[in-house]
């Protein structure tokens, strides 16, 4: 796909911010997860500023739980140098279900969860997707996964080795995706549908799905312990997360 630089910087964004954040209770009893403060500003504020800095200025927020608070906080986005519209789901539709019902994009778009703190270069990620010819690209990182058991290496019924509590490595999703508009064709209407469901549907249809490996800072703020870590790390990484803002 050949696109001019002007077209590239106009790539649209969908931020998924509709979940109840049950794992983040009791914080999310009064605020939607995206409005929980990291440092002195909500995580969604950090994401919106990062997107603007990389040239992504057309944003749709897919909301659900306590959506009114998010709409009141951000308005139309003009005060932040972006344009923000909202899709408010009447029933939970999962991490990608709302894409079916949101206005269809005219070109590739970025989808990001509202609880991601990262220094990922969104413009490089965008270019990687557009140049690769896949319908979906997943931002990924290789992580060590500890196994708290003794693991047997075997051949048939014979043990060839024994490894005590090894660490295996695997690629994990960062909750950040570049998608072509055609992904909507694989998403059912008015049905709960998560990202893994979409990936399986695409692979079953022999569509190309790629991943973009990187070593940038990334933290999924899914649990209270992650939220504490995000606040601890934000001060140290603010100059990288939000260059140009006072540290």
C-alpha atoms as a PDB file:
ATOM      1  CA  UNK A   1       0.000   0.000   0.000  1.00  0.00           C
ATOM      2  CA  UNK A   2       1.494   3.330  -1.076  1.00  0.00           C
ATOM      3  CA  UNK A   3       0.545   6.336   1.026  1.00  0.00           C
ATOM      4  CA  UNK A   4       1.935   9.850   1.107  1.00  0.00           C
ATOM      5  CA  UNK A   5       3.461  11.269   4.267  1.00  0.00           C
ATOM      6  CA  UNK A   6       0.461  13.565   4.666  1.00  0.00           C
ATOM      7  CA  UNK A   7      -1.865  10.574   4.546  1.00  0.00           C
ATOM      8  CA  UNK A   8       0.326   8.655   6.973  1.00  0.00           C
ATOM      9  CA  UNK A   9       0.154  11.274   9.704  1.00  0.00           C
ATOM     10  CA  UNK A  10      -3.646  11.382   9.432  1.00  0.00           C
ATOM     11  CA  UNK A  11      -4.022   7.745  10.516  1.00  0.00           C
ATOM     12  CA  UNK A  12      -6.936   7.498  12.932  1.00  0.00           C
ATOM     13  CA  UNK A  13      -6.928   6.002  16.415  1.00  0.00           C
ATOM     14  CA  UNK A  14      -9.456   4.036  18.441  1.00  0.00           C
ATOM     15  CA  UNK A  15      -8.862   3.896  22.199  1.00  0.00           C
ATOM     16  CA  UNK A  16     -10.680   1.063  23.969  1.00  0.00           C
ATOM     17  CA  UNK A  17     -11.833   2.446  27.300  1.00  0.00           C
ATOM     18  CA  UNK A  18     -15.135   0.696  27.933  1.00  0.00           C
ATOM     19  CA  UNK A  19     -14.212  -1.971  30.476  1.00  0.00           C
ATOM     20  CA  UNK A  20     -15.125  -1.860  34.153  1.00  0.00           C
ATOM     21  CA  UNK A  21     -11.549  -2.574  35.264  1.00  0.00           C
ATOM     22  CA  UNK A  22     -12.663  -5.137  37.830  1.00  0.00           C
ATOM     23  CA  UNK A  23      -9.085  -6.165  38.645  1.00  0.00           C
ATOM     24  CA  UNK A  24      -8.341  -2.559  39.558  1.00  0.00           C
ATOM     25  CA  UNK A  25     -11.030  -2.327  42.239  1.00  0.00           C
ATOM     26  CA  UNK A  26     -11.501  -0.446  44.498  1.00  0.00           C
ATOM     27  CA  UNK A  27      -9.910   2.363  42.415  1.00  0.00           C
ATOM     28  CA  UNK A  28     -12.392   1.826  39.585  1.00  0.00           C
ATOM     29  CA  UNK A  29     -15.441   2.038  41.825  1.00  0.00           C
ATOM     30  CA  UNK A  30     -15.445   5.820  41.343  1.00  0.00           C
ATOM     31  CA  UNK A  31     -13.375   6.363  38.176  1.00  0.00           C
ATOM     32  CA  UNK A  32     -13.079   4.507  34.873  1.00  0.00           C
ATOM     33  CA  UNK A  33      -9.650   2.930  34.540  1.00  0.00           C
ATOM     34  CA  UNK A  34      -8.549   5.406  31.882  1.00  0.00           C
ATOM     35  CA  UNK A  35      -8.987   8.332  34.281  1.00  0.00           C
ATOM     36  CA  UNK A  36      -6.879   6.870  37.077  1.00  0.00           C
ATOM     37  CA  UNK A  37      -3.969   9.273  37.622  1.00  0.00           C
ATOM     38  CA  UNK A  38      -0.407   8.268  36.808  1.00  0.00           C
ATOM     39  CA  UNK A  39       1.829  10.976  38.163  1.00  0.00           C
ATOM     40  CA  UNK A  40      -0.461  13.988  38.179  1.00  0.00           C
ATOM     41  CA  UNK A  41      -2.563  13.165  35.118  1.00  0.00           C
ATOM     42  CA  UNK A  42      -4.854  10.350  33.965  1.00  0.00           C
ATOM     43  CA  UNK A  43      -3.337   7.557  31.925  1.00  0.00           C
ATOM     44  CA  UNK A  44      -5.685   8.502  29.061  1.00  0.00           C
ATOM     45  CA  UNK A  45      -4.303  12.044  29.139  1.00  0.00           C
ATOM     46  CA  UNK A  46      -0.787  10.649  28.756  1.00  0.00           C
ATOM     47  CA  UNK A  47      -1.868   8.465  25.830  1.00  0.00           C
ATOM     48  CA  UNK A  48      -3.660  11.337  24.065  1.00  0.00           C
ATOM     49  CA  UNK A  49      -0.600  13.575  24.422  1.00  0.00           C
ATOM     50  CA  UNK A  50       1.661  10.843  23.070  1.00  0.00           C
ATOM     51  CA  UNK A  51      -0.620  10.266  20.105  1.00  0.00           C
ATOM     52  CA  UNK A  52      -0.676  13.975  19.310  1.00  0.00           C
ATOM     53  CA  UNK A  53       3.119  14.151  19.533  1.00  0.00           C
ATOM     54  CA  UNK A  54       3.353  11.393  16.907  1.00  0.00           C
ATOM     55  CA  UNK A  55       0.856  13.069  14.593  1.00  0.00           C
ATOM     56  CA  UNK A  56      -2.236  11.018  15.445  1.00  0.00           C
ATOM     57  CA  UNK A  57      -4.875  13.688  15.964  1.00  0.00           C
ATOM     58  CA  UNK A  58      -8.166  11.979  15.021  1.00  0.00           C
ATOM     59  CA  UNK A  59      -9.262   9.844  17.972  1.00  0.00           C
ATOM     60  CA  UNK A  60     -12.357   7.830  18.784  1.00  0.00           C
ATOM     61  CA  UNK A  61     -12.821   6.660  22.354  1.00  0.00           C
ATOM     62  CA  UNK A  62     -14.904   3.496  22.638  1.00  0.00           C
ATOM     63  CA  UNK A  63     -16.542   3.957  26.036  1.00  0.00           C
ATOM     64  CA  UNK A  64     -18.890   2.057  28.276  1.00  0.00           C
ATOM     65  CA  UNK A  65     -18.466   2.085  32.045  1.00  0.00           C
ATOM     66  CA  UNK A  66     -18.703   5.637  33.466  1.00  0.00           C
ATOM     67  CA  UNK A  67     -18.434   7.008  29.942  1.00  0.00           C
ATOM     68  CA  UNK A  68     -19.870  10.378  30.961  1.00  0.00           C
ATOM     69  CA  UNK A  69     -16.817  11.136  33.094  1.00  0.00           C
ATOM     70  CA  UNK A  70     -14.477  10.505  30.149  1.00  0.00           C
ATOM     71  CA  UNK A  71     -16.571  12.656  27.800  1.00  0.00           C
ATOM     72  CA  UNK A  72     -16.727  15.478  30.317  1.00  0.00           C
ATOM     73  CA  UNK A  73     -12.990  15.349  30.959  1.00  0.00           C
ATOM     74  CA  UNK A  74     -11.850  15.411  27.313  1.00  0.00           C
ATOM     75  CA  UNK A  75     -14.721  17.106  25.484  1.00  0.00           C
ATOM     76  CA  UNK A  76     -14.062  17.308  21.754  1.00  0.00           C
ATOM     77  CA  UNK A  77     -10.287  17.246  22.306  1.00  0.00           C
ATOM     78  CA  UNK A  78      -9.702  20.707  20.821  1.00  0.00           C
ATOM     79  CA  UNK A  79      -8.052  21.986  24.002  1.00  0.00           C
ATOM     80  CA  UNK A  80      -5.458  19.247  23.555  1.00  0.00           C
ATOM     81  CA  UNK A  81      -4.819  19.759  19.861  1.00  0.00           C
ATOM     82  CA  UNK A  82      -6.743  16.682  18.733  1.00  0.00           C
ATOM     83  CA  UNK A  83     -10.238  15.769  17.599  1.00  0.00           C
ATOM     84  CA  UNK A  84     -12.037  13.295  19.868  1.00  0.00           C
ATOM     85  CA  UNK A  85     -15.318  11.551  19.136  1.00  0.00           C
ATOM     86  CA  UNK A  86     -17.029   8.900  21.234  1.00  0.00           C
ATOM     87  CA  UNK A  87     -18.759   5.593  20.721  1.00  0.00           C
ATOM     88  CA  UNK A  88     -20.712   4.575  23.834  1.00  0.00           C
ATOM     89  CA  UNK A  89     -21.651   0.898  23.955  1.00  0.00           C
ATOM     90  CA  UNK A  90     -25.006  -0.056  25.457  1.00  0.00           C
ATOM     91  CA  UNK A  91     -23.723  -3.491  26.388  1.00  0.00           C
ATOM     92  CA  UNK A  92     -20.162  -4.797  26.838  1.00  0.00           C
ATOM     93  CA  UNK A  93     -18.740  -5.824  23.463  1.00  0.00           C
ATOM     94  CA  UNK A  94     -15.223  -6.912  24.423  1.00  0.00           C
ATOM     95  CA  UNK A  95     -11.836  -5.551  23.446  1.00  0.00           C
ATOM     96  CA  UNK A  96     -12.570  -5.307  19.715  1.00  0.00           C
ATOM     97  CA  UNK A  97     -16.349  -5.768  19.299  1.00  0.00           C
ATOM     98  CA  UNK A  98     -17.081  -2.003  19.099  1.00  0.00           C
ATOM     99  CA  UNK A  99     -14.999  -1.735  15.903  1.00  0.00           C
ATOM    100  CA  UNK A 100     -17.906  -3.331  14.010  1.00  0.00           C
ATOM    101  CA  UNK A 101     -20.247  -0.524  15.037  1.00  0.00           C
ATOM    102  CA  UNK A 102     -17.921   2.475  14.888  1.00  0.00           C
ATOM    103  CA  UNK A 103     -17.786   4.384  11.600  1.00  0.00           C
ATOM    104  CA  UNK A 104     -15.618   2.375   9.228  1.00  0.00           C
ATOM    105  CA  UNK A 105     -12.155   3.833   8.756  1.00  0.00           C
ATOM    106  CA  UNK A 106     -10.961   4.767   5.270  1.00  0.00           C
ATOM    107  CA  UNK A 107      -7.474   3.381   5.879  1.00  0.00           C
ATOM    108  CA  UNK A 108      -5.273   1.653   8.456  1.00  0.00           C
ATOM    109  CA  UNK A 109      -5.906   2.738  12.030  1.00  0.00           C
ATOM    110  CA  UNK A 110      -4.280   2.333  15.416  1.00  0.00           C
ATOM    111  CA  UNK A 111      -6.133   0.587  18.232  1.00  0.00           C
ATOM    112  CA  UNK A 112      -4.816   0.890  21.782  1.00  0.00           C
ATOM    113  CA  UNK A 113      -6.067  -0.113  25.205  1.00  0.00           C
ATOM    114  CA  UNK A 114      -6.587   2.680  27.716  1.00  0.00           C
ATOM    115  CA  UNK A 115      -4.326   1.156  30.371  1.00  0.00           C
ATOM    116  CA  UNK A 116      -0.999   1.058  28.507  1.00  0.00           C
ATOM    117  CA  UNK A 117       2.031   3.044  29.641  1.00  0.00           C
ATOM    118  CA  UNK A 118       4.741   2.817  26.997  1.00  0.00           C
ATOM    119  CA  UNK A 119       7.506   4.657  25.167  1.00  0.00           C
ATOM    120  CA  UNK A 120       6.662   2.842  21.906  1.00  0.00           C
ATOM    121  CA  UNK A 121       7.243   4.984  18.812  1.00  0.00           C
ATOM    122  CA  UNK A 122       3.732   4.918  17.329  1.00  0.00           C
ATOM    123  CA  UNK A 123       4.854   6.351  13.985  1.00  0.00           C
ATOM    124  CA  UNK A 124       7.427   3.582  13.436  1.00  0.00           C
ATOM    125  CA  UNK A 125       4.832   1.014  14.390  1.00  0.00           C
ATOM    126  CA  UNK A 126       2.395   2.560  11.905  1.00  0.00           C
ATOM    127  CA  UNK A 127       4.980   2.526   9.109  1.00  0.00           C
ATOM    128  CA  UNK A 128       5.914  -1.105   9.850  1.00  0.00           C
ATOM    129  CA  UNK A 129       2.284  -2.113   9.438  1.00  0.00           C
ATOM    130  CA  UNK A 130       1.629  -0.145   6.271  1.00  0.00           C
ATOM    131  CA  UNK A 131       4.789  -1.406   4.578  1.00  0.00           C
ATOM    132  CA  UNK A 132       4.164  -5.050   5.555  1.00  0.00           C
ATOM    133  CA  UNK A 133       0.887  -5.788   3.816  1.00  0.00           C
ATOM    134  CA  UNK A 134      -0.852  -7.498   6.751  1.00  0.00           C
ATOM    135  CA  UNK A 135      -4.439  -6.928   7.824  1.00  0.00           C
ATOM    136  CA  UNK A 136      -3.361  -6.753  11.493  1.00  0.00           C
ATOM    137  CA  UNK A 137      -0.085  -6.003  13.232  1.00  0.00           C
ATOM    138  CA  UNK A 138       0.390  -6.599  16.954  1.00  0.00           C
ATOM    139  CA  UNK A 139       2.941  -4.654  18.990  1.00  0.00           C
ATOM    140  CA  UNK A 140       4.852  -7.344  20.887  1.00  0.00           C
ATOM    141  CA  UNK A 141       7.621  -7.911  23.379  1.00  0.00           C
ATOM    142  CA  UNK A 142       9.536 -11.022  24.342  1.00  0.00           C
ATOM    143  CA  UNK A 143       9.089 -11.786  28.007  1.00  0.00           C
ATOM    144  CA  UNK A 144      10.465 -14.413  30.345  1.00  0.00           C
ATOM    145  CA  UNK A 145       7.739 -16.551  31.897  1.00  0.00           C
ATOM    146  CA  UNK A 146       8.842 -18.334  35.090  1.00  0.00           C
ATOM    147  CA  UNK A 147       7.579 -21.849  35.736  1.00  0.00           C
ATOM    148  CA  UNK A 148       7.447 -22.494  39.461  1.00  0.00           C
ATOM    149  CA  UNK A 149       7.817 -26.252  39.078  1.00  0.00           C
ATOM    150  CA  UNK A 150      10.470 -28.786  38.212  1.00  0.00           C
ATOM    151  CA  UNK A 151      10.221 -29.428  34.468  1.00  0.00           C
ATOM    152  CA  UNK A 152      11.066 -32.745  32.838  1.00  0.00           C
ATOM    153  CA  UNK A 153      12.725 -32.900  29.430  1.00  0.00           C
ATOM    154  CA  UNK A 154      11.620 -36.193  27.872  1.00  0.00           C
ATOM    155  CA  UNK A 155      11.956 -38.411  24.844  1.00  0.00           C
ATOM    156  CA  UNK A 156       9.196 -40.973  24.680  1.00  0.00           C
ATOM    157  CA  UNK A 157       8.997 -42.437  28.217  1.00  0.00           C
ATOM    158  CA  UNK A 158      12.608 -41.532  29.108  1.00  0.00           C
ATOM    159  CA  UNK A 159      13.723 -38.461  31.046  1.00  0.00           C
ATOM    160  CA  UNK A 160      16.627 -36.692  29.333  1.00  0.00           C
ATOM    161  CA  UNK A 161      16.944 -33.732  31.695  1.00  0.00           C
ATOM    162  CA  UNK A 162      15.401 -32.079  34.709  1.00  0.00           C
ATOM    163  CA  UNK A 163      15.214 -28.286  35.044  1.00  0.00           C
ATOM    164  CA  UNK A 164      14.184 -26.761  38.368  1.00  0.00           C
ATOM    165  CA  UNK A 165      11.867 -23.757  38.011  1.00  0.00           C
ATOM    166  CA  UNK A 166      13.004 -22.653  34.546  1.00  0.00           C
ATOM    167  CA  UNK A 167      12.108 -19.436  32.766  1.00  0.00           C
ATOM    168  CA  UNK A 168      10.684 -19.809  29.289  1.00  0.00           C
ATOM    169  CA  UNK A 169      10.356 -16.925  26.838  1.00  0.00           C
ATOM    170  CA  UNK A 170       7.389 -15.995  24.660  1.00  0.00           C
ATOM    171  CA  UNK A 171       6.113 -13.065  22.647  1.00  0.00           C
ATOM    172  CA  UNK A 172       3.273 -11.208  24.363  1.00  0.00           C
ATOM    173  CA  UNK A 173       0.830  -8.626  23.061  1.00  0.00           C
ATOM    174  CA  UNK A 174       1.223  -5.050  24.322  1.00  0.00           C
ATOM    175  CA  UNK A 175      -2.439  -4.161  23.772  1.00  0.00           C
ATOM    176  CA  UNK A 176      -1.505  -1.932  20.813  1.00  0.00           C
ATOM    177  CA  UNK A 177      -2.507  -2.830  17.247  1.00  0.00           C
ATOM    178  CA  UNK A 178      -2.493  -1.483  13.697  1.00  0.00           C
ATOM    179  CA  UNK A 179      -5.478  -2.697  11.682  1.00  0.00           C
ATOM    180  CA  UNK A 180      -6.866  -2.374   8.198  1.00  0.00           C
ATOM    181  CA  UNK A 181     -10.556  -1.465   7.911  1.00  0.00           C
ATOM    182  CA  UNK A 182     -11.379  -4.952   6.582  1.00  0.00           C
ATOM    183  CA  UNK A 183     -10.967  -6.414  10.082  1.00  0.00           C
ATOM    184  CA  UNK A 184     -14.538  -5.263  10.699  1.00  0.00           C
ATOM    185  CA  UNK A 185     -15.705  -7.933   8.238  1.00  0.00           C
ATOM    186  CA  UNK A 186     -14.510 -10.602  10.699  1.00  0.00           C
ATOM    187  CA  UNK A 187     -16.241  -9.108  13.743  1.00  0.00           C
ATOM    188  CA  UNK A 188     -19.867 -10.095  14.466  1.00  0.00           C
ATOM    189  CA  UNK A 189     -22.439  -7.377  15.117  1.00  0.00           C
ATOM    190  CA  UNK A 190     -23.718  -6.740  18.636  1.00  0.00           C
ATOM    191  CA  UNK A 191     -21.724  -9.632  20.075  1.00  0.00           C
ATOM    192  CA  UNK A 192     -18.996  -9.787  22.699  1.00  0.00           C
ATOM    193  CA  UNK A 193     -15.732 -10.206  20.779  1.00  0.00           C
ATOM    194  CA  UNK A 194     -12.185  -9.967  22.093  1.00  0.00           C
ATOM    195  CA  UNK A 195      -8.864  -9.485  20.322  1.00  0.00           C
ATOM    196  CA  UNK A 196      -7.976 -13.226  20.567  1.00  0.00           C
ATOM    197  CA  UNK A 197     -11.292 -14.008  18.838  1.00  0.00           C
ATOM    198  CA  UNK A 198     -10.371 -11.644  16.009  1.00  0.00           C
ATOM    199  CA  UNK A 199      -6.868 -13.066  15.637  1.00  0.00           C
ATOM    200  CA  UNK A 200      -8.230 -16.613  15.426  1.00  0.00           C
ATOM    201  CA  UNK A 201     -10.833 -15.535  12.860  1.00  0.00           C
ATOM    202  CA  UNK A 202      -8.174 -13.863  10.707  1.00  0.00           C
ATOM    203  CA  UNK A 203      -5.813 -16.822  10.883  1.00  0.00           C
ATOM    204  CA  UNK A 204      -8.634 -19.240  10.053  1.00  0.00           C
ATOM    205  CA  UNK A 205      -9.304 -17.126   6.948  1.00  0.00           C
ATOM    206  CA  UNK A 206      -5.592 -17.227   5.978  1.00  0.00           C
ATOM    207  CA  UNK A 207      -5.199 -13.486   6.482  1.00  0.00           C
ATOM    208  CA  UNK A 208      -1.745 -12.123   7.257  1.00  0.00           C
ATOM    209  CA  UNK A 209      -1.161 -11.232  10.909  1.00  0.00           C
ATOM    210  CA  UNK A 210       2.257  -9.836  11.837  1.00  0.00           C
ATOM    211  CA  UNK A 211       3.887  -8.690  15.054  1.00  0.00           C
ATOM    212  CA  UNK A 212       6.184  -5.756  15.730  1.00  0.00           C
ATOM    213  CA  UNK A 213       8.831  -6.713  18.263  1.00  0.00           C
ATOM    214  CA  UNK A 214      10.349  -3.884  20.300  1.00  0.00           C
ATOM    215  CA  UNK A 215      12.186  -3.292  23.553  1.00  0.00           C
ATOM    216  CA  UNK A 216      10.564  -0.005  24.529  1.00  0.00           C
ATOM    217  CA  UNK A 217       9.291   0.517  28.050  1.00  0.00           C
ATOM    218  CA  UNK A 218       5.846  -1.020  28.418  1.00  0.00           C
ATOM    219  CA  UNK A 219       3.555  -1.587  31.361  1.00  0.00           C
ATOM    220  CA  UNK A 220       0.030  -2.977  31.247  1.00  0.00           C
ATOM    221  CA  UNK A 221      -1.771  -1.348  34.170  1.00  0.00           C
ATOM    222  CA  UNK A 222      -4.146  -4.208  34.825  1.00  0.00           C
ATOM    223  CA  UNK A 223      -3.714  -4.811  38.566  1.00  0.00           C
ATOM    224  CA  UNK A 224      -3.173  -2.619  41.635  1.00  0.00           C
ATOM    225  CA  UNK A 225       0.476  -3.753  41.805  1.00  0.00           C
ATOM    226  CA  UNK A 226       0.945  -2.569  38.198  1.00  0.00           C
ATOM    227  CA  UNK A 227      -0.715   0.752  39.029  1.00  0.00           C
ATOM    228  CA  UNK A 228       1.700   1.282  41.907  1.00  0.00           C
ATOM    229  CA  UNK A 229       4.633   0.459  39.626  1.00  0.00           C
ATOM    230  CA  UNK A 230       3.349   2.849  36.946  1.00  0.00           C
ATOM    231  CA  UNK A 231       3.349   5.717  39.420  1.00  0.00           C
ATOM    232  CA  UNK A 232       6.821   4.770  40.619  1.00  0.00           C
ATOM    233  CA  UNK A 233       8.208   4.636  37.078  1.00  0.00           C
ATOM    234  CA  UNK A 234       6.433   7.651  35.631  1.00  0.00           C
ATOM    235  CA  UNK A 235       8.660  10.230  37.300  1.00  0.00           C
ATOM    236  CA  UNK A 236      11.781   8.469  36.064  1.00  0.00           C
ATOM    237  CA  UNK A 237      10.472   8.067  32.508  1.00  0.00           C
ATOM    238  CA  UNK A 238       8.449  11.257  32.058  1.00  0.00           C
ATOM    239  CA  UNK A 239      11.027  12.838  29.739  1.00  0.00           C
ATOM    240  CA  UNK A 240      10.731   9.791  27.442  1.00  0.00           C
ATOM    241  CA  UNK A 241       6.966   9.362  27.778  1.00  0.00           C
ATOM    242  CA  UNK A 242       6.150  13.050  27.353  1.00  0.00           C
ATOM    243  CA  UNK A 243       9.166  14.860  25.898  1.00  0.00           C
ATOM    244  CA  UNK A 244       9.010  18.604  26.319  1.00  0.00           C
ATOM    245  CA  UNK A 245       6.943  18.571  29.513  1.00  0.00           C
ATOM    246  CA  UNK A 246       8.527  19.707  32.792  1.00  0.00           C
ATOM    247  CA  UNK A 247       9.960  16.767  34.748  1.00  0.00           C
END
